[in-house]
Amino acid sequence: MSYKIYGIKTCNSVRSALKFFKDNNIEVEFCDLRKEPPSSEEVKFWVDKAGIDTVFNNKGAKYRDLKLKELNLDDNGKFEWLCKEPMLVKRPVVVFDNNVLVGFKEDIYKETFK
């Protein structure tokens, strides 16, 4: 099975996820969202699997900087912003076996990947 992790190296949740995989000898492919923004097809796959409110990060600095709260975005608006601005993606996004897991919770990772 192959695992692909989307995130940024400076994100603590991404670092925790990468450490989890390393500590458990699970090989992963890392995609830096800053260097390789996801395609709209990839974003759509994540949203279809995990839900728009799981993938869309409305707690991060980028969300505040862009003043998106004031726009009161619907799901289509959130999707459009995710495609335009990858820093709005909640991290990490792990794609595996036609599934998607968003965020890092160690107990869920242990249950899912061990």
PDB file of N, CA and C in Angstrom:
ATOM      1  N   MET A   1       0.854  -1.180   0.000  1.00  0.00           N
ATOM      2  CA  MET A   1       0.000   0.000   0.000  1.00  0.00           C
ATOM      3  C   MET A   1       0.899   1.242   0.000  1.00  0.00           C
ATOM      4  N   SER A   2       0.489   2.244  -0.762  1.00  0.00           N
ATOM      5  CA  SER A   2       1.289   3.471  -0.765  1.00  0.00           C
ATOM      6  C   SER A   2       0.567   4.568   0.004  1.00  0.00           C
ATOM      7  N   TYR A   3       1.361   5.393   0.630  1.00  0.00           N
ATOM      8  CA  TYR A   3       0.848   6.489   1.447  1.00  0.00           C
ATOM      9  C   TYR A   3       1.436   7.782   0.921  1.00  0.00           C
ATOM     10  N   LYS A   4       0.571   8.774   0.760  1.00  0.00           N
ATOM     11  CA  LYS A   4       1.016  10.083   0.306  1.00  0.00           C
ATOM     12  C   LYS A   4       0.528  11.105   1.333  1.00  0.00           C
ATOM     13  N   ILE A   5       1.463  11.907   1.833  1.00  0.00           N
ATOM     14  CA  ILE A   5       1.118  12.916   2.841  1.00  0.00           C
ATOM     15  C   ILE A   5       1.286  14.295   2.229  1.00  0.00           C
ATOM     16  N   TYR A   6       0.239  15.097   2.348  1.00  0.00           N
ATOM     17  CA  TYR A   6       0.277  16.480   1.884  1.00  0.00           C
ATOM     18  C   TYR A   6       0.360  17.377   3.100  1.00  0.00           C
ATOM     19  N   GLY A   7       1.271  18.348   3.060  1.00  0.00           N
ATOM     20  CA  GLY A   7       1.410  19.266   4.178  1.00  0.00           C
ATOM     21  C   GLY A   7       2.568  20.205   3.950  1.00  0.00           C
ATOM     22  N   ILE A   8       3.015  20.832   5.026  1.00  0.00           N
ATOM     23  CA  ILE A   8       4.207  21.681   4.994  1.00  0.00           C
ATOM     24  C   ILE A   8       5.093  21.266   6.166  1.00  0.00           C
ATOM     25  N   LYS A   9       6.402  21.345   5.949  1.00  0.00           N
ATOM     26  CA  LYS A   9       7.364  20.847   6.949  1.00  0.00           C
ATOM     27  C   LYS A   9       7.315  21.619   8.268  1.00  0.00           C
ATOM     28  N   THR A  10       6.849  22.872   8.227  1.00  0.00           N
ATOM     29  CA  THR A  10       6.848  23.693   9.438  1.00  0.00           C
ATOM     30  C   THR A  10       5.620  23.457  10.313  1.00  0.00           C
ATOM     31  N   CYS A  11       4.674  22.667   9.831  1.00  0.00           N
ATOM     32  CA  CYS A  11       3.438  22.409  10.574  1.00  0.00           C
ATOM     33  C   CYS A  11       3.674  21.305  11.607  1.00  0.00           C
ATOM     34  N   ASN A  12       3.344  21.565  12.863  1.00  0.00           N
ATOM     35  CA  ASN A  12       3.555  20.584  13.932  1.00  0.00           C
ATOM     36  C   ASN A  12       2.771  19.292  13.705  1.00  0.00           C
ATOM     37  N   SER A  13       1.548  19.395  13.221  1.00  0.00           N
ATOM     38  CA  SER A  13       0.745  18.190  12.974  1.00  0.00           C
ATOM     39  C   SER A  13       1.376  17.338  11.877  1.00  0.00           C
ATOM     40  N   VAL A  14       1.903  17.993  10.853  1.00  0.00           N
ATOM     41  CA  VAL A  14       2.577  17.269   9.766  1.00  0.00           C
ATOM     42  C   VAL A  14       3.835  16.587  10.298  1.00  0.00           C
ATOM     43  N   ARG A  15       4.589  17.312  11.104  1.00  0.00           N
ATOM     44  CA  ARG A  15       5.803  16.718  11.693  1.00  0.00           C
ATOM     45  C   ARG A  15       5.461  15.506  12.551  1.00  0.00           C
ATOM     46  N   SER A  16       4.383  15.610  13.321  1.00  0.00           N
ATOM     47  CA  SER A  16       3.952  14.481  14.167  1.00  0.00           C
ATOM     48  C   SER A  16       3.559  13.288  13.304  1.00  0.00           C
ATOM     49  N   ALA A  17       2.848  13.544  12.214  1.00  0.00           N
ATOM     50  CA  ALA A  17       2.434  12.453  11.326  1.00  0.00           C
ATOM     51  C   ALA A  17       3.654  11.794  10.682  1.00  0.00           C
ATOM     52  N   LEU A  18       4.580  12.604  10.183  1.00  0.00           N
ATOM     53  CA  LEU A  18       5.784  12.055   9.555  1.00  0.00           C
ATOM     54  C   LEU A  18       6.599  11.238  10.557  1.00  0.00           C
ATOM     55  N   LYS A  19       6.669  11.720  11.792  1.00  0.00           N
ATOM     56  CA  LYS A  19       7.393  10.990  12.840  1.00  0.00           C
ATOM     57  C   LYS A  19       6.691   9.659  13.129  1.00  0.00           C
ATOM     58  N   PHE A  20       5.366   9.692  13.194  1.00  0.00           N
ATOM     59  CA  PHE A  20       4.610   8.459  13.428  1.00  0.00           C
ATOM     60  C   PHE A  20       4.951   7.421  12.363  1.00  0.00           C
ATOM     61  N   PHE A  21       4.910   7.815  11.101  1.00  0.00           N
ATOM     62  CA  PHE A  21       5.192   6.872  10.016  1.00  0.00           C
ATOM     63  C   PHE A  21       6.634   6.374  10.081  1.00  0.00           C
ATOM     64  N   LYS A  22       7.570   7.282  10.363  1.00  0.00           N
ATOM     65  CA  LYS A  22       8.982   6.897  10.453  1.00  0.00           C
ATOM     66  C   LYS A  22       9.185   5.906  11.604  1.00  0.00           C
ATOM     67  N   ASP A  23       8.609   6.242  12.776  1.00  0.00           N
ATOM     68  CA  ASP A  23       8.767   5.383  13.954  1.00  0.00           C
ATOM     69  C   ASP A  23       8.170   3.986  13.743  1.00  0.00           C
ATOM     70  N   ASN A  24       7.181   3.906  12.842  1.00  0.00           N
ATOM     71  CA  ASN A  24       6.520   2.626  12.588  1.00  0.00           C
ATOM     72  C   ASN A  24       6.983   1.984  11.279  1.00  0.00           C
ATOM     73  N   ASN A  25       8.103   2.482  10.755  1.00  0.00           N
ATOM     74  CA  ASN A  25       8.696   1.939   9.531  1.00  0.00           C
ATOM     75  C   ASN A  25       7.707   1.845   8.371  1.00  0.00           C
ATOM     76  N   ILE A  26       6.885   2.876   8.236  1.00  0.00           N
ATOM     77  CA  ILE A  26       5.930   2.944   7.126  1.00  0.00           C
ATOM     78  C   ILE A  26       6.451   3.999   6.155  1.00  0.00           C
ATOM     79  N   GLU A  27       6.686   3.570   4.929  1.00  0.00           N
ATOM     80  CA  GLU A  27       7.232   4.478   3.927  1.00  0.00           C
ATOM     81  C   GLU A  27       6.121   5.363   3.374  1.00  0.00           C
ATOM     82  N   VAL A  28       6.404   6.659   3.289  1.00  0.00           N
ATOM     83  CA  VAL A  28       5.421   7.610   2.762  1.00  0.00           C
ATOM     84  C   VAL A  28       6.079   8.515   1.723  1.00  0.00           C
ATOM     85  N   GLU A  29       5.240   9.042   0.855  1.00  0.00           N
ATOM     86  CA  GLU A  29       5.676  10.068  -0.092  1.00  0.00           C
ATOM     87  C   GLU A  29       5.145  11.390   0.442  1.00  0.00           C
ATOM     88  N   PHE A  30       6.033  12.384   0.586  1.00  0.00           N
ATOM     89  CA  PHE A  30       5.622  13.682   1.130  1.00  0.00           C
ATOM     90  C   PHE A  30       5.467  14.688  -0.001  1.00  0.00           C
ATOM     91  N   CYS A  31       4.354  15.405  -0.001  1.00  0.00           N
ATOM     92  CA  CYS A  31       4.104  16.464  -0.980  1.00  0.00           C
ATOM     93  C   CYS A  31       3.974  17.782  -0.239  1.00  0.00           C
ATOM     94  N   ASP A  32       4.887  18.699  -0.512  1.00  0.00           N
ATOM     95  CA  ASP A  32       4.859  20.014   0.121  1.00  0.00           C
ATOM     96  C   ASP A  32       3.814  20.877  -0.586  1.00  0.00           C
ATOM     97  N   LEU A  33       2.779  21.269   0.153  1.00  0.00           N
ATOM     98  CA  LEU A  33       1.685  22.052  -0.431  1.00  0.00           C
ATOM     99  C   LEU A  33       2.155  23.402  -0.982  1.00  0.00           C
ATOM    100  N   ARG A  34       3.247  23.930  -0.423  1.00  0.00           N
ATOM    101  CA  ARG A  34       3.754  25.210  -0.931  1.00  0.00           C
ATOM    102  C   ARG A  34       4.438  25.043  -2.282  1.00  0.00           C
ATOM    103  N   LYS A  35       5.157  23.925  -2.440  1.00  0.00           N
ATOM    104  CA  LYS A  35       5.924  23.700  -3.673  1.00  0.00           C
ATOM    105  C   LYS A  35       5.099  23.002  -4.748  1.00  0.00           C
ATOM    106  N   GLU A  36       4.191  22.139  -4.317  1.00  0.00           N
ATOM    107  CA  GLU A  36       3.361  21.365  -5.247  1.00  0.00           C
ATOM    108  C   GLU A  36       1.895  21.500  -4.849  1.00  0.00           C
ATOM    109  N   PRO A  37       1.249  22.607  -5.229  1.00  0.00           N
ATOM    110  CA  PRO A  37      -0.174  22.753  -4.868  1.00  0.00           C
ATOM    111  C   PRO A  37      -0.996  21.614  -5.470  1.00  0.00           C
ATOM    112  N   PRO A  38      -1.972  21.117  -4.728  1.00  0.00           N
ATOM    113  CA  PRO A  38      -2.781  20.011  -5.244  1.00  0.00           C
ATOM    114  C   PRO A  38      -3.656  20.480  -6.406  1.00  0.00           C
ATOM    115  N   SER A  39      -3.969  19.557  -7.287  1.00  0.00           N
ATOM    116  CA  SER A  39      -4.887  19.877  -8.387  1.00  0.00           C
ATOM    117  C   SER A  39      -6.308  19.973  -7.830  1.00  0.00           C
ATOM    118  N   SER A  40      -7.192  20.581  -8.599  1.00  0.00           N
ATOM    119  CA  SER A  40      -8.587  20.665  -8.144  1.00  0.00           C
ATOM    120  C   SER A  40      -9.193  19.261  -8.044  1.00  0.00           C
ATOM    121  N   GLU A  41      -8.698  18.319  -8.884  1.00  0.00           N
ATOM    122  CA  GLU A  41      -9.178  16.933  -8.802  1.00  0.00           C
ATOM    123  C   GLU A  41      -8.765  16.295  -7.470  1.00  0.00           C
ATOM    124  N   GLU A  42      -7.520  16.561  -7.042  1.00  0.00           N
ATOM    125  CA  GLU A  42      -7.071  16.029  -5.755  1.00  0.00           C
ATOM    126  C   GLU A  42      -7.904  16.612  -4.617  1.00  0.00           C
ATOM    127  N   VAL A  43      -8.118  17.923  -4.646  1.00  0.00           N
ATOM    128  CA  VAL A  43      -8.916  18.577  -3.603  1.00  0.00           C
ATOM    129  C   VAL A  43     -10.331  17.997  -3.590  1.00  0.00           C
ATOM    130  N   LYS A  44     -10.912  17.805  -4.774  1.00  0.00           N
ATOM    131  CA  LYS A  44     -12.266  17.242  -4.856  1.00  0.00           C
ATOM    132  C   LYS A  44     -12.296  15.836  -4.241  1.00  0.00           C
ATOM    133  N   PHE A  45     -11.273  15.015  -4.517  1.00  0.00           N
ATOM    134  CA  PHE A  45     -11.197  13.676  -3.939  1.00  0.00           C
ATOM    135  C   PHE A  45     -11.168  13.760  -2.409  1.00  0.00           C
ATOM    136  N   TRP A  46     -10.334  14.656  -1.875  1.00  0.00           N
ATOM    137  CA  TRP A  46     -10.243  14.809  -0.413  1.00  0.00           C
ATOM    138  C   TRP A  46     -11.592  15.197   0.169  1.00  0.00           C
ATOM    139  N   VAL A  47     -12.236  16.189  -0.467  1.00  0.00           N
ATOM    140  CA  VAL A  47     -13.526  16.693   0.024  1.00  0.00           C
ATOM    141  C   VAL A  47     -14.596  15.608  -0.078  1.00  0.00           C
ATOM    142  N   ASP A  48     -14.597  14.869  -1.201  1.00  0.00           N
ATOM    143  CA  ASP A  48     -15.584  13.787  -1.360  1.00  0.00           C
ATOM    144  C   ASP A  48     -15.409  12.720  -0.284  1.00  0.00           C
ATOM    145  N   LYS A  49     -14.164  12.428   0.088  1.00  0.00           N
ATOM    146  CA  LYS A  49     -13.891  11.375   1.073  1.00  0.00           C
ATOM    147  C   LYS A  49     -14.052  11.852   2.514  1.00  0.00           C
ATOM    148  N   ALA A  50     -13.592  13.071   2.797  1.00  0.00           N
ATOM    149  CA  ALA A  50     -13.533  13.527   4.197  1.00  0.00           C
ATOM    150  C   ALA A  50     -14.555  14.610   4.544  1.00  0.00           C
ATOM    151  N   GLY A  51     -15.089  15.303   3.546  1.00  0.00           N
ATOM    152  CA  GLY A  51     -16.032  16.392   3.805  1.00  0.00           C
ATOM    153  C   GLY A  51     -15.345  17.740   3.760  1.00  0.00           C
ATOM    154  N   ILE A  52     -16.040  18.724   3.230  1.00  0.00           N
ATOM    155  CA  ILE A  52     -15.453  20.056   3.044  1.00  0.00           C
ATOM    156  C   ILE A  52     -15.026  20.678   4.370  1.00  0.00           C
ATOM    157  N   ASP A  53     -15.830  20.493   5.413  1.00  0.00           N
ATOM    158  CA  ASP A  53     -15.494  21.131   6.697  1.00  0.00           C
ATOM    159  C   ASP A  53     -14.322  20.454   7.396  1.00  0.00           C
ATOM    160  N   THR A  54     -14.001  19.225   7.001  1.00  0.00           N
ATOM    161  CA  THR A  54     -12.826  18.552   7.541  1.00  0.00           C
ATOM    162  C   THR A  54     -11.568  19.038   6.829  1.00  0.00           C
ATOM    163  N   VAL A  55     -11.660  19.264   5.527  1.00  0.00           N
ATOM    164  CA  VAL A  55     -10.492  19.644   4.726  1.00  0.00           C
ATOM    165  C   VAL A  55     -10.196  21.138   4.825  1.00  0.00           C
ATOM    166  N   PHE A  56     -11.235  21.951   4.939  1.00  0.00           N
ATOM    167  CA  PHE A  56     -11.073  23.415   4.941  1.00  0.00           C
ATOM    168  C   PHE A  56     -10.675  23.900   6.336  1.00  0.00           C
ATOM    169  N   ASN A  57      -9.516  24.534   6.433  1.00  0.00           N
ATOM    170  CA  ASN A  57      -8.996  25.000   7.721  1.00  0.00           C
ATOM    171  C   ASN A  57      -9.460  26.437   7.988  1.00  0.00           C
ATOM    172  N   ASN A  58     -10.454  26.567   8.847  1.00  0.00           N
ATOM    173  CA  ASN A  58     -10.946  27.914   9.176  1.00  0.00           C
ATOM    174  C   ASN A  58     -10.386  28.405  10.515  1.00  0.00           C
ATOM    175  N   LYS A  59      -9.297  27.785  10.958  1.00  0.00           N
ATOM    176  CA  LYS A  59      -8.672  28.219  12.211  1.00  0.00           C
ATOM    177  C   LYS A  59      -7.251  28.748  12.000  1.00  0.00           C
ATOM    178  N   GLY A  60      -6.744  28.636  10.791  1.00  0.00           N
ATOM    179  CA  GLY A  60      -5.349  29.007  10.532  1.00  0.00           C
ATOM    180  C   GLY A  60      -5.141  30.475  10.216  1.00  0.00           C
ATOM    181  N   ALA A  61      -3.876  30.848  10.177  1.00  0.00           N
ATOM    182  CA  ALA A  61      -3.484  32.235   9.899  1.00  0.00           C
ATOM    183  C   ALA A  61      -3.936  32.677   8.512  1.00  0.00           C
ATOM    184  N   LYS A  62      -3.835  31.801   7.529  1.00  0.00           N
ATOM    185  CA  LYS A  62      -4.204  32.164   6.149  1.00  0.00           C
ATOM    186  C   LYS A  62      -5.679  32.522   6.072  1.00  0.00           C
ATOM    187  N   TYR A  63      -6.507  31.785   6.771  1.00  0.00           N
ATOM    188  CA  TYR A  63      -7.955  32.064   6.812  1.00  0.00           C
ATOM    189  C   TYR A  63      -8.207  33.460   7.385  1.00  0.00           C
ATOM    190  N   ARG A  64      -7.489  33.773   8.465  1.00  0.00           N
ATOM    191  CA  ARG A  64      -7.645  35.097   9.079  1.00  0.00           C
ATOM    192  C   ARG A  64      -7.075  36.193   8.178  1.00  0.00           C
ATOM    193  N   ASP A  65      -5.883  35.934   7.608  1.00  0.00           N
ATOM    194  CA  ASP A  65      -5.237  36.934   6.747  1.00  0.00           C
ATOM    195  C   ASP A  65      -6.117  37.306   5.552  1.00  0.00           C
ATOM    196  N   LEU A  66      -6.794  36.316   5.003  1.00  0.00           N
ATOM    197  CA  LEU A  66      -7.643  36.556   3.825  1.00  0.00           C
ATOM    198  C   LEU A  66      -9.032  37.080   4.210  1.00  0.00           C
ATOM    199  N   LYS A  67      -9.286  37.162   5.529  1.00  0.00           N
ATOM    200  CA  LYS A  67     -10.574  37.653   6.040  1.00  0.00           C
ATOM    201  C   LYS A  67     -11.763  36.878   5.444  1.00  0.00           C
ATOM    202  N   LEU A  68     -11.596  35.569   5.365  1.00  0.00           N
ATOM    203  CA  LEU A  68     -12.622  34.741   4.736  1.00  0.00           C
ATOM    204  C   LEU A  68     -13.881  34.597   5.591  1.00  0.00           C
ATOM    205  N   LYS A  69     -13.746  34.782   6.899  1.00  0.00           N
ATOM    206  CA  LYS A  69     -14.929  34.675   7.764  1.00  0.00           C
ATOM    207  C   LYS A  69     -15.993  35.676   7.328  1.00  0.00           C
ATOM    208  N   GLU A  70     -15.526  36.864   6.926  1.00  0.00           N
ATOM    209  CA  GLU A  70     -16.460  37.922   6.513  1.00  0.00           C
ATOM    210  C   GLU A  70     -17.232  37.543   5.249  1.00  0.00           C
ATOM    211  N   LEU A  71     -16.698  36.633   4.446  1.00  0.00           N
ATOM    212  CA  LEU A  71     -17.358  36.241   3.196  1.00  0.00           C
ATOM    213  C   LEU A  71     -18.474  35.223   3.418  1.00  0.00           C
ATOM    214  N   ASN A  72     -18.505  34.606   4.621  1.00  0.00           N
ATOM    215  CA  ASN A  72     -19.544  33.629   4.946  1.00  0.00           C
ATOM    216  C   ASN A  72     -19.689  32.598   3.822  1.00  0.00           C
ATOM    217  N   LEU A  73     -18.608  31.906   3.519  1.00  0.00           N
ATOM    218  CA  LEU A  73     -18.528  30.998   2.379  1.00  0.00           C
ATOM    219  C   LEU A  73     -19.443  29.790   2.506  1.00  0.00           C
ATOM    220  N   ASP A  74     -20.080  29.438   1.390  1.00  0.00           N
ATOM    221  CA  ASP A  74     -20.793  28.163   1.337  1.00  0.00           C
ATOM    222  C   ASP A  74     -19.793  27.083   0.906  1.00  0.00           C
ATOM    223  N   ASP A  75     -20.250  25.853   0.767  1.00  0.00           N
ATOM    224  CA  ASP A  75     -19.334  24.760   0.434  1.00  0.00           C
ATOM    225  C   ASP A  75     -18.618  24.990  -0.897  1.00  0.00           C
ATOM    226  N   ASN A  76     -19.332  25.515  -1.895  1.00  0.00           N
ATOM    227  CA  ASN A  76     -18.689  25.790  -3.185  1.00  0.00           C
ATOM    228  C   ASN A  76     -17.614  26.851  -3.044  1.00  0.00           C
ATOM    229  N   GLY A  77     -17.897  27.876  -2.257  1.00  0.00           N
ATOM    230  CA  GLY A  77     -16.918  28.933  -2.024  1.00  0.00           C
ATOM    231  C   GLY A  77     -15.679  28.392  -1.319  1.00  0.00           C
ATOM    232  N   LYS A  78     -15.893  27.535  -0.328  1.00  0.00           N
ATOM    233  CA  LYS A  78     -14.765  26.922   0.391  1.00  0.00           C
ATOM    234  C   LYS A  78     -13.931  26.088  -0.576  1.00  0.00           C
ATOM    235  N   PHE A  79     -14.605  25.307  -1.435  1.00  0.00           N
ATOM    236  CA  PHE A  79     -13.895  24.466  -2.400  1.00  0.00           C
ATOM    237  C   PHE A  79     -13.048  25.332  -3.342  1.00  0.00           C
ATOM    238  N   GLU A  80     -13.630  26.409  -3.844  1.00  0.00           N
ATOM    239  CA  GLU A  80     -12.888  27.298  -4.747  1.00  0.00           C
ATOM    240  C   GLU A  80     -11.652  27.870  -4.059  1.00  0.00           C
ATOM    241  N   TRP A  81     -11.800  28.265  -2.803  1.00  0.00           N
ATOM    242  CA  TRP A  81     -10.649  28.804  -2.067  1.00  0.00           C
ATOM    243  C   TRP A  81      -9.594  27.736  -1.819  1.00  0.00           C
ATOM    244  N   LEU A  82     -10.017  26.499  -1.523  1.00  0.00           N
ATOM    245  CA  LEU A  82      -9.059  25.412  -1.327  1.00  0.00           C
ATOM    246  C   LEU A  82      -8.227  25.190  -2.587  1.00  0.00           C
ATOM    247  N   CYS A  83      -8.866  25.306  -3.738  1.00  0.00           N
ATOM    248  CA  CYS A  83      -8.159  25.105  -5.007  1.00  0.00           C
ATOM    249  C   CYS A  83      -7.193  26.254  -5.294  1.00  0.00           C
ATOM    250  N   LYS A  84      -7.554  27.458  -4.857  1.00  0.00           N
ATOM    251  CA  LYS A  84      -6.716  28.642  -5.111  1.00  0.00           C
ATOM    252  C   LYS A  84      -5.584  28.786  -4.108  1.00  0.00           C
ATOM    253  N   GLU A  85      -5.840  28.398  -2.883  1.00  0.00           N
ATOM    254  CA  GLU A  85      -4.907  28.685  -1.784  1.00  0.00           C
ATOM    255  C   GLU A  85      -4.677  27.438  -0.941  1.00  0.00           C
ATOM    256  N   PRO A  86      -3.624  26.658  -1.263  1.00  0.00           N
ATOM    257  CA  PRO A  86      -3.405  25.387  -0.560  1.00  0.00           C
ATOM    258  C   PRO A  86      -3.119  25.530   0.938  1.00  0.00           C
ATOM    259  N   MET A  87      -2.755  26.729   1.397  1.00  0.00           N
ATOM    260  CA  MET A  87      -2.528  26.892   2.836  1.00  0.00           C
ATOM    261  C   MET A  87      -3.836  26.869   3.625  1.00  0.00           C
ATOM    262  N   LEU A  88      -4.976  26.808   2.938  1.00  0.00           N
ATOM    263  CA  LEU A  88      -6.264  26.661   3.619  1.00  0.00           C
ATOM    264  C   LEU A  88      -6.623  25.196   3.873  1.00  0.00           C
ATOM    265  N   VAL A  89      -5.798  24.287   3.386  1.00  0.00           N
ATOM    266  CA  VAL A  89      -6.030  22.860   3.610  1.00  0.00           C
ATOM    267  C   VAL A  89      -5.606  22.504   5.029  1.00  0.00           C
ATOM    268  N   LYS A  90      -6.512  21.845   5.753  1.00  0.00           N
ATOM    269  CA  LYS A  90      -6.169  21.349   7.090  1.00  0.00           C
ATOM    270  C   LYS A  90      -5.127  20.251   6.919  1.00  0.00           C
ATOM    271  N   ARG A  91      -4.094  20.282   7.729  1.00  0.00           N
ATOM    272  CA  ARG A  91      -2.952  19.389   7.525  1.00  0.00           C
ATOM    273  C   ARG A  91      -2.745  18.451   8.714  1.00  0.00           C
ATOM    274  N   PRO A  92      -2.093  17.326   8.409  1.00  0.00           N
ATOM    275  CA  PRO A  92      -1.755  16.775   7.096  1.00  0.00           C
ATOM    276  C   PRO A  92      -2.959  16.088   6.456  1.00  0.00           C
ATOM    277  N   VAL A  93      -2.873  15.900   5.140  1.00  0.00           N
ATOM    278  CA  VAL A  93      -3.829  15.075   4.416  1.00  0.00           C
ATOM    279  C   VAL A  93      -3.072  13.809   4.025  1.00  0.00           C
ATOM    280  N   VAL A  94      -3.560  12.670   4.469  1.00  0.00           N
ATOM    281  CA  VAL A  94      -2.931  11.389   4.141  1.00  0.00           C
ATOM    282  C   VAL A  94      -3.863  10.650   3.178  1.00  0.00           C
ATOM    283  N   VAL A  95      -3.322  10.309   2.008  1.00  0.00           N
ATOM    284  CA  VAL A  95      -4.088   9.572   1.006  1.00  0.00           C
ATOM    285  C   VAL A  95      -3.522   8.156   0.950  1.00  0.00           C
ATOM    286  N   PHE A  96      -4.408   7.166   1.091  1.00  0.00           N
ATOM    287  CA  PHE A  96      -3.991   5.761   1.113  1.00  0.00           C
ATOM    288  C   PHE A  96      -5.163   4.885   0.716  1.00  0.00           C
ATOM    289  N   ASP A  97      -4.894   3.898  -0.114  1.00  0.00           N
ATOM    290  CA  ASP A  97      -5.888   2.865  -0.407  1.00  0.00           C
ATOM    291  C   ASP A  97      -7.269   3.452  -0.718  1.00  0.00           C
ATOM    292  N   ASN A  98      -7.310   4.476  -1.577  1.00  0.00           N
ATOM    293  CA  ASN A  98      -8.552   5.147  -1.967  1.00  0.00           C
ATOM    294  C   ASN A  98      -9.292   5.772  -0.778  1.00  0.00           C
ATOM    295  N   ASN A  99      -8.538   6.136   0.266  1.00  0.00           N
ATOM    296  CA  ASN A  99      -9.087   6.794   1.447  1.00  0.00           C
ATOM    297  C   ASN A  99      -8.320   8.071   1.741  1.00  0.00           C
ATOM    298  N   VAL A 100      -8.891   8.890   2.597  1.00  0.00           N
ATOM    299  CA  VAL A 100      -8.259  10.143   3.009  1.00  0.00           C
ATOM    300  C   VAL A 100      -8.439  10.300   4.514  1.00  0.00           C
ATOM    301  N   LEU A 101      -7.343  10.683   5.176  1.00  0.00           N
ATOM    302  CA  LEU A 101      -7.393  11.013   6.597  1.00  0.00           C
ATOM    303  C   LEU A 101      -6.804  12.408   6.750  1.00  0.00           C
ATOM    304  N   VAL A 102      -7.522  13.283   7.426  1.00  0.00           N
ATOM    305  CA  VAL A 102      -7.100  14.679   7.561  1.00  0.00           C
ATOM    306  C   VAL A 102      -6.792  14.973   9.023  1.00  0.00           C
ATOM    307  N   GLY A 103      -5.649  15.637   9.258  1.00  0.00           N
ATOM    308  CA  GLY A 103      -5.243  15.984  10.611  1.00  0.00           C
ATOM    309  C   GLY A 103      -4.403  14.872  11.221  1.00  0.00           C
ATOM    310  N   PHE A 104      -3.918  15.126  12.437  1.00  0.00           N
ATOM    311  CA  PHE A 104      -3.135  14.100  13.125  1.00  0.00           C
ATOM    312  C   PHE A 104      -3.704  13.852  14.510  1.00  0.00           C
ATOM    313  N   LYS A 105      -4.160  12.623  14.709  1.00  0.00           N
ATOM    314  CA  LYS A 105      -4.553  12.152  16.032  1.00  0.00           C
ATOM    315  C   LYS A 105      -3.907  10.783  16.170  1.00  0.00           C
ATOM    316  N   GLU A 106      -2.971  10.670  17.097  1.00  0.00           N
ATOM    317  CA  GLU A 106      -2.149   9.458  17.189  1.00  0.00           C
ATOM    318  C   GLU A 106      -2.975   8.191  17.348  1.00  0.00           C
ATOM    319  N   ASP A 107      -4.020   8.234  18.164  1.00  0.00           N
ATOM    320  CA  ASP A 107      -4.818   7.024  18.370  1.00  0.00           C
ATOM    321  C   ASP A 107      -5.496   6.570  17.077  1.00  0.00           C
ATOM    322  N   ILE A 108      -5.952   7.515  16.280  1.00  0.00           N
ATOM    323  CA  ILE A 108      -6.585   7.168  14.996  1.00  0.00           C
ATOM    324  C   ILE A 108      -5.529   6.625  14.024  1.00  0.00           C
ATOM    325  N   TYR A 109      -4.332   7.220  14.042  1.00  0.00           N
ATOM    326  CA  TYR A 109      -3.252   6.719  13.181  1.00  0.00           C
ATOM    327  C   TYR A 109      -2.886   5.292  13.558  1.00  0.00           C
ATOM    328  N   LYS A 110      -2.790   5.016  14.868  1.00  0.00           N
ATOM    329  CA  LYS A 110      -2.445   3.655  15.318  1.00  0.00           C
ATOM    330  C   LYS A 110      -3.498   2.661  14.845  1.00  0.00           C
ATOM    331  N   GLU A 111      -4.751   3.041  14.981  1.00  0.00           N
ATOM    332  CA  GLU A 111      -5.860   2.176  14.585  1.00  0.00           C
ATOM    333  C   GLU A 111      -5.886   1.961  13.074  1.00  0.00           C
ATOM    334  N   THR A 112      -5.570   2.999  12.309  1.00  0.00           N
ATOM    335  CA  THR A 112      -5.686   2.950  10.859  1.00  0.00           C
ATOM    336  C   THR A 112      -4.477   2.340  10.175  1.00  0.00           C
ATOM    337  N   PHE A 113      -3.274   2.640  10.664  1.00  0.00           N
ATOM    338  CA  PHE A 113      -2.063   2.300   9.920  1.00  0.00           C
ATOM    339  C   PHE A 113      -1.225   1.176  10.522  1.00  0.00           C
ATOM    340  N   LYS A 114      -1.601   0.652  11.703  1.00  0.00           N
ATOM    341  CA  LYS A 114      -0.767  -0.415  12.293  1.00  0.00           C
ATOM    342  C   LYS A 114      -1.406  -1.765  12.140  1.00  0.00           C
TER     343      LYS A 114
END
